[in-house]
Amino acid sequence: MTEELKRWQQMVVELHQIFTLEYIAIEIGVSVRQVSNWKAGADRPLGMNAVKLYLFHGKHGTPVQVEGTPVHGEVAK
């Protein structure tokens, strides 16, 4: 699994600790199966779905780390 897939997977895993997969799917505008595939790391969101998931995670999730630097959320100290 690539690092990119792992980051998207982690976003869904973190959101799933707060929301059901069904709720996440409704928020993004995709099927529950698609969100499940993202969570399993079998696929990643593309286009506007990626933007929607990123923003939804930014609002409700925790910062996703990329080589020790936050992608969104709190600024590293």
N, C-alpha and C. Protein backbone atom coordinates (compact mmCIF):
# COMPACT_ATOMS: atom_id res chain seq x y z
N MET A 1 0.84 -1.17 0.00
CA MET A 1 0.00 0.00 0.00
C MET A 1 0.90 1.24 0.00
N THR A 2 0.56 2.19 -0.84
CA THR A 2 1.36 3.41 -0.92
C THR A 2 1.08 4.32 0.27
N GLU A 3 1.98 5.25 0.50
CA GLU A 3 1.79 6.22 1.60
C GLU A 3 0.52 7.05 1.38
N GLU A 4 0.26 7.37 0.12
CA GLU A 4 -0.93 8.16 -0.19
C GLU A 4 -2.20 7.41 0.19
N LEU A 5 -2.27 6.14 -0.17
CA LEU A 5 -3.43 5.32 0.21
C LEU A 5 -3.56 5.24 1.72
N LYS A 6 -2.45 5.10 2.42
CA LYS A 6 -2.48 5.02 3.87
C LYS A 6 -3.03 6.29 4.50
N ARG A 7 -2.67 7.45 3.94
CA ARG A 7 -3.18 8.72 4.48
C ARG A 7 -4.68 8.83 4.31
N TRP A 8 -5.19 8.47 3.12
CA TRP A 8 -6.64 8.53 2.91
C TRP A 8 -7.33 7.51 3.81
N GLN A 9 -6.75 6.33 3.92
CA GLN A 9 -7.31 5.29 4.78
C GLN A 9 -7.39 5.80 6.22
N GLN A 10 -6.33 6.44 6.70
CA GLN A 10 -6.30 6.94 8.07
C GLN A 10 -7.37 8.00 8.30
N MET A 11 -7.62 8.84 7.31
CA MET A 11 -8.68 9.84 7.45
C MET A 11 -10.03 9.17 7.70
N VAL A 12 -10.32 8.14 6.92
CA VAL A 12 -11.61 7.45 7.06
C VAL A 12 -11.66 6.72 8.40
N VAL A 13 -10.57 6.08 8.79
CA VAL A 13 -10.54 5.38 10.07
C VAL A 13 -10.82 6.35 11.21
N GLU A 14 -10.20 7.52 11.19
CA GLU A 14 -10.41 8.51 12.24
C GLU A 14 -11.85 9.02 12.24
N LEU A 15 -12.39 9.29 11.06
CA LEU A 15 -13.78 9.75 10.98
C LEU A 15 -14.74 8.66 11.45
N HIS A 16 -14.41 7.40 11.16
CA HIS A 16 -15.29 6.30 11.54
C HIS A 16 -15.33 6.11 13.06
N GLN A 17 -14.38 6.65 13.79
CA GLN A 17 -14.43 6.61 15.25
C GLN A 17 -15.50 7.55 15.78
N ILE A 18 -15.92 8.51 14.95
CA ILE A 18 -16.92 9.50 15.35
C ILE A 18 -18.26 9.24 14.65
N PHE A 19 -18.21 8.90 13.38
CA PHE A 19 -19.41 8.77 12.55
C PHE A 19 -19.51 7.36 11.96
N THR A 20 -20.72 6.97 11.59
CA THR A 20 -20.90 5.70 10.88
C THR A 20 -20.40 5.85 9.45
N LEU A 21 -20.11 4.72 8.80
CA LEU A 21 -19.72 4.77 7.39
C LEU A 21 -20.85 5.35 6.55
N GLU A 22 -22.09 5.05 6.94
CA GLU A 22 -23.24 5.58 6.22
C GLU A 22 -23.27 7.10 6.27
N TYR A 23 -23.00 7.66 7.45
CA TYR A 23 -23.01 9.11 7.59
C TYR A 23 -21.89 9.74 6.77
N ILE A 24 -20.73 9.15 6.81
CA ILE A 24 -19.60 9.66 6.02
C ILE A 24 -19.95 9.63 4.54
N ALA A 25 -20.54 8.52 4.10
CA ALA A 25 -20.93 8.38 2.69
C ALA A 25 -21.91 9.47 2.27
N ILE A 26 -22.88 9.75 3.13
CA ILE A 26 -23.86 10.80 2.82
C ILE A 26 -23.18 12.16 2.73
N GLU A 27 -22.30 12.44 3.66
CA GLU A 27 -21.60 13.73 3.68
C GLU A 27 -20.75 13.93 2.42
N ILE A 28 -20.11 12.86 1.96
CA ILE A 28 -19.24 12.96 0.79
C ILE A 28 -20.04 12.84 -0.51
N GLY A 29 -21.15 12.11 -0.46
CA GLY A 29 -21.98 11.92 -1.65
C GLY A 29 -21.60 10.69 -2.45
N VAL A 30 -21.17 9.64 -1.73
CA VAL A 30 -20.79 8.38 -2.38
C VAL A 30 -21.50 7.24 -1.68
N SER A 31 -21.30 6.03 -2.16
CA SER A 31 -21.92 4.86 -1.54
C SER A 31 -21.13 4.45 -0.29
N VAL A 32 -21.82 3.71 0.57
CA VAL A 32 -21.18 3.16 1.77
C VAL A 32 -20.06 2.21 1.35
N ARG A 33 -20.29 1.48 0.28
CA ARG A 33 -19.26 0.56 -0.22
C ARG A 33 -17.98 1.30 -0.59
N GLN A 34 -18.13 2.46 -1.21
CA GLN A 34 -16.95 3.24 -1.59
C GLN A 34 -16.18 3.69 -0.36
N VAL A 35 -16.89 4.17 0.66
CA VAL A 35 -16.23 4.59 1.90
C VAL A 35 -15.55 3.39 2.55
N SER A 36 -16.20 2.24 2.51
CA SER A 36 -15.62 1.02 3.06
C SER A 36 -14.33 0.65 2.32
N ASN A 37 -14.32 0.82 1.01
CA ASN A 37 -13.11 0.56 0.22
C ASN A 37 -11.98 1.52 0.61
N TRP A 38 -12.33 2.78 0.85
CA TRP A 38 -11.32 3.75 1.29
C TRP A 38 -10.77 3.34 2.65
N LYS A 39 -11.67 2.94 3.54
CA LYS A 39 -11.25 2.55 4.88
C LYS A 39 -10.34 1.32 4.84
N ALA A 40 -10.60 0.41 3.94
CA ALA A 40 -9.80 -0.81 3.80
C ALA A 40 -8.47 -0.55 3.08
N GLY A 41 -8.34 0.62 2.48
CA GLY A 41 -7.13 0.94 1.74
C GLY A 41 -7.10 0.33 0.35
N ALA A 42 -8.28 -0.14 -0.11
CA ALA A 42 -8.37 -0.74 -1.43
C ALA A 42 -8.50 0.30 -2.53
N ASP A 43 -8.87 1.51 -2.15
CA ASP A 43 -9.10 2.58 -3.12
C ASP A 43 -8.93 3.91 -2.38
N ARG A 44 -8.91 4.99 -3.12
CA ARG A 44 -8.82 6.32 -2.52
C ARG A 44 -9.80 7.24 -3.23
N PRO A 45 -10.23 8.28 -2.55
CA PRO A 45 -11.15 9.21 -3.21
C PRO A 45 -10.43 10.00 -4.29
N LEU A 46 -11.16 10.35 -5.31
CA LEU A 46 -10.62 11.12 -6.43
C LEU A 46 -11.44 12.38 -6.64
N GLY A 47 -10.84 13.37 -7.25
CA GLY A 47 -11.55 14.59 -7.62
C GLY A 47 -12.22 15.28 -6.45
N MET A 48 -13.47 15.68 -6.66
CA MET A 48 -14.22 16.40 -5.62
C MET A 48 -14.47 15.53 -4.40
N ASN A 49 -14.55 14.22 -4.59
CA ASN A 49 -14.74 13.35 -3.43
C ASN A 49 -13.53 13.45 -2.49
N ALA A 50 -12.35 13.56 -3.06
CA ALA A 50 -11.15 13.73 -2.24
C ALA A 50 -11.19 15.06 -1.50
N VAL A 51 -11.61 16.11 -2.18
CA VAL A 51 -11.71 17.43 -1.55
C VAL A 51 -12.74 17.38 -0.42
N LYS A 52 -13.90 16.79 -0.68
CA LYS A 52 -14.95 16.71 0.34
C LYS A 52 -14.49 15.92 1.56
N LEU A 53 -13.83 14.79 1.33
CA LEU A 53 -13.35 13.98 2.45
C LEU A 53 -12.29 14.74 3.23
N TYR A 54 -11.38 15.38 2.54
CA TYR A 54 -10.31 16.14 3.18
C TYR A 54 -10.89 17.24 4.07
N LEU A 55 -11.86 17.99 3.54
CA LEU A 55 -12.47 19.07 4.30
C LEU A 55 -13.30 18.54 5.46
N PHE A 56 -14.03 17.46 5.24
CA PHE A 56 -14.83 16.85 6.31
C PHE A 56 -13.90 16.36 7.42
N HIS A 57 -12.80 15.75 7.05
CA HIS A 57 -11.83 15.29 8.05
C HIS A 57 -11.20 16.48 8.76
N GLY A 58 -10.90 17.53 8.02
CA GLY A 58 -10.32 18.72 8.63
C GLY A 58 -11.23 19.34 9.67
N LYS A 59 -12.52 19.24 9.45
CA LYS A 59 -13.49 19.80 10.38
C LYS A 59 -13.70 18.91 11.60
N HIS A 60 -13.66 17.59 11.41
CA HIS A 60 -14.05 16.67 12.47
C HIS A 60 -12.95 15.71 12.92
N GLY A 61 -11.92 15.55 12.12
CA GLY A 61 -10.90 14.56 12.43
C GLY A 61 -9.71 15.16 13.15
N THR A 62 -8.67 14.40 13.21
CA THR A 62 -7.42 14.85 13.80
C THR A 62 -6.44 15.13 12.68
N PRO A 63 -5.38 15.90 12.93
CA PRO A 63 -4.42 16.19 11.86
C PRO A 63 -3.79 14.92 11.30
N VAL A 64 -3.65 14.87 9.99
CA VAL A 64 -2.98 13.75 9.32
C VAL A 64 -1.52 14.13 9.14
N GLN A 65 -0.63 13.26 9.57
CA GLN A 65 0.79 13.54 9.52
C GLN A 65 1.40 13.07 8.20
N VAL A 66 2.24 13.91 7.62
CA VAL A 66 3.01 13.56 6.43
C VAL A 66 4.46 13.85 6.78
N GLU A 67 5.23 12.79 6.97
CA GLU A 67 6.64 12.94 7.32
C GLU A 67 6.83 13.90 8.49
N GLY A 68 5.96 13.77 9.50
CA GLY A 68 6.09 14.56 10.72
C GLY A 68 5.51 15.96 10.64
N THR A 69 4.96 16.37 9.51
CA THR A 69 4.40 17.70 9.36
C THR A 69 2.89 17.60 9.18
N PRO A 70 2.09 18.33 9.99
CA PRO A 70 0.64 18.27 9.82
C PRO A 70 0.21 18.76 8.44
N VAL A 71 -0.74 18.06 7.84
CA VAL A 71 -1.30 18.51 6.57
C VAL A 71 -2.36 19.57 6.86
N HIS A 72 -3.12 19.36 7.90
CA HIS A 72 -4.11 20.34 8.34
C HIS A 72 -4.25 20.18 9.85
N GLY A 73 -4.92 21.11 10.46
CA GLY A 73 -5.06 21.07 11.90
C GLY A 73 -4.05 21.98 12.56
N GLU A 74 -3.56 21.57 13.71
CA GLU A 74 -2.62 22.39 14.46
C GLU A 74 -1.28 22.52 13.76
N VAL A 75 -0.67 23.66 13.92
CA VAL A 75 0.64 23.92 13.35
C VAL A 75 1.69 23.24 14.22
N ALA A 76 2.65 22.58 13.60
CA ALA A 76 3.72 21.90 14.34
C ALA A 76 4.54 22.92 15.11
N LYS A 77 4.98 22.51 16.29
CA LYS A 77 5.78 23.41 17.13
C LYS A 77 7.21 22.98 17.15
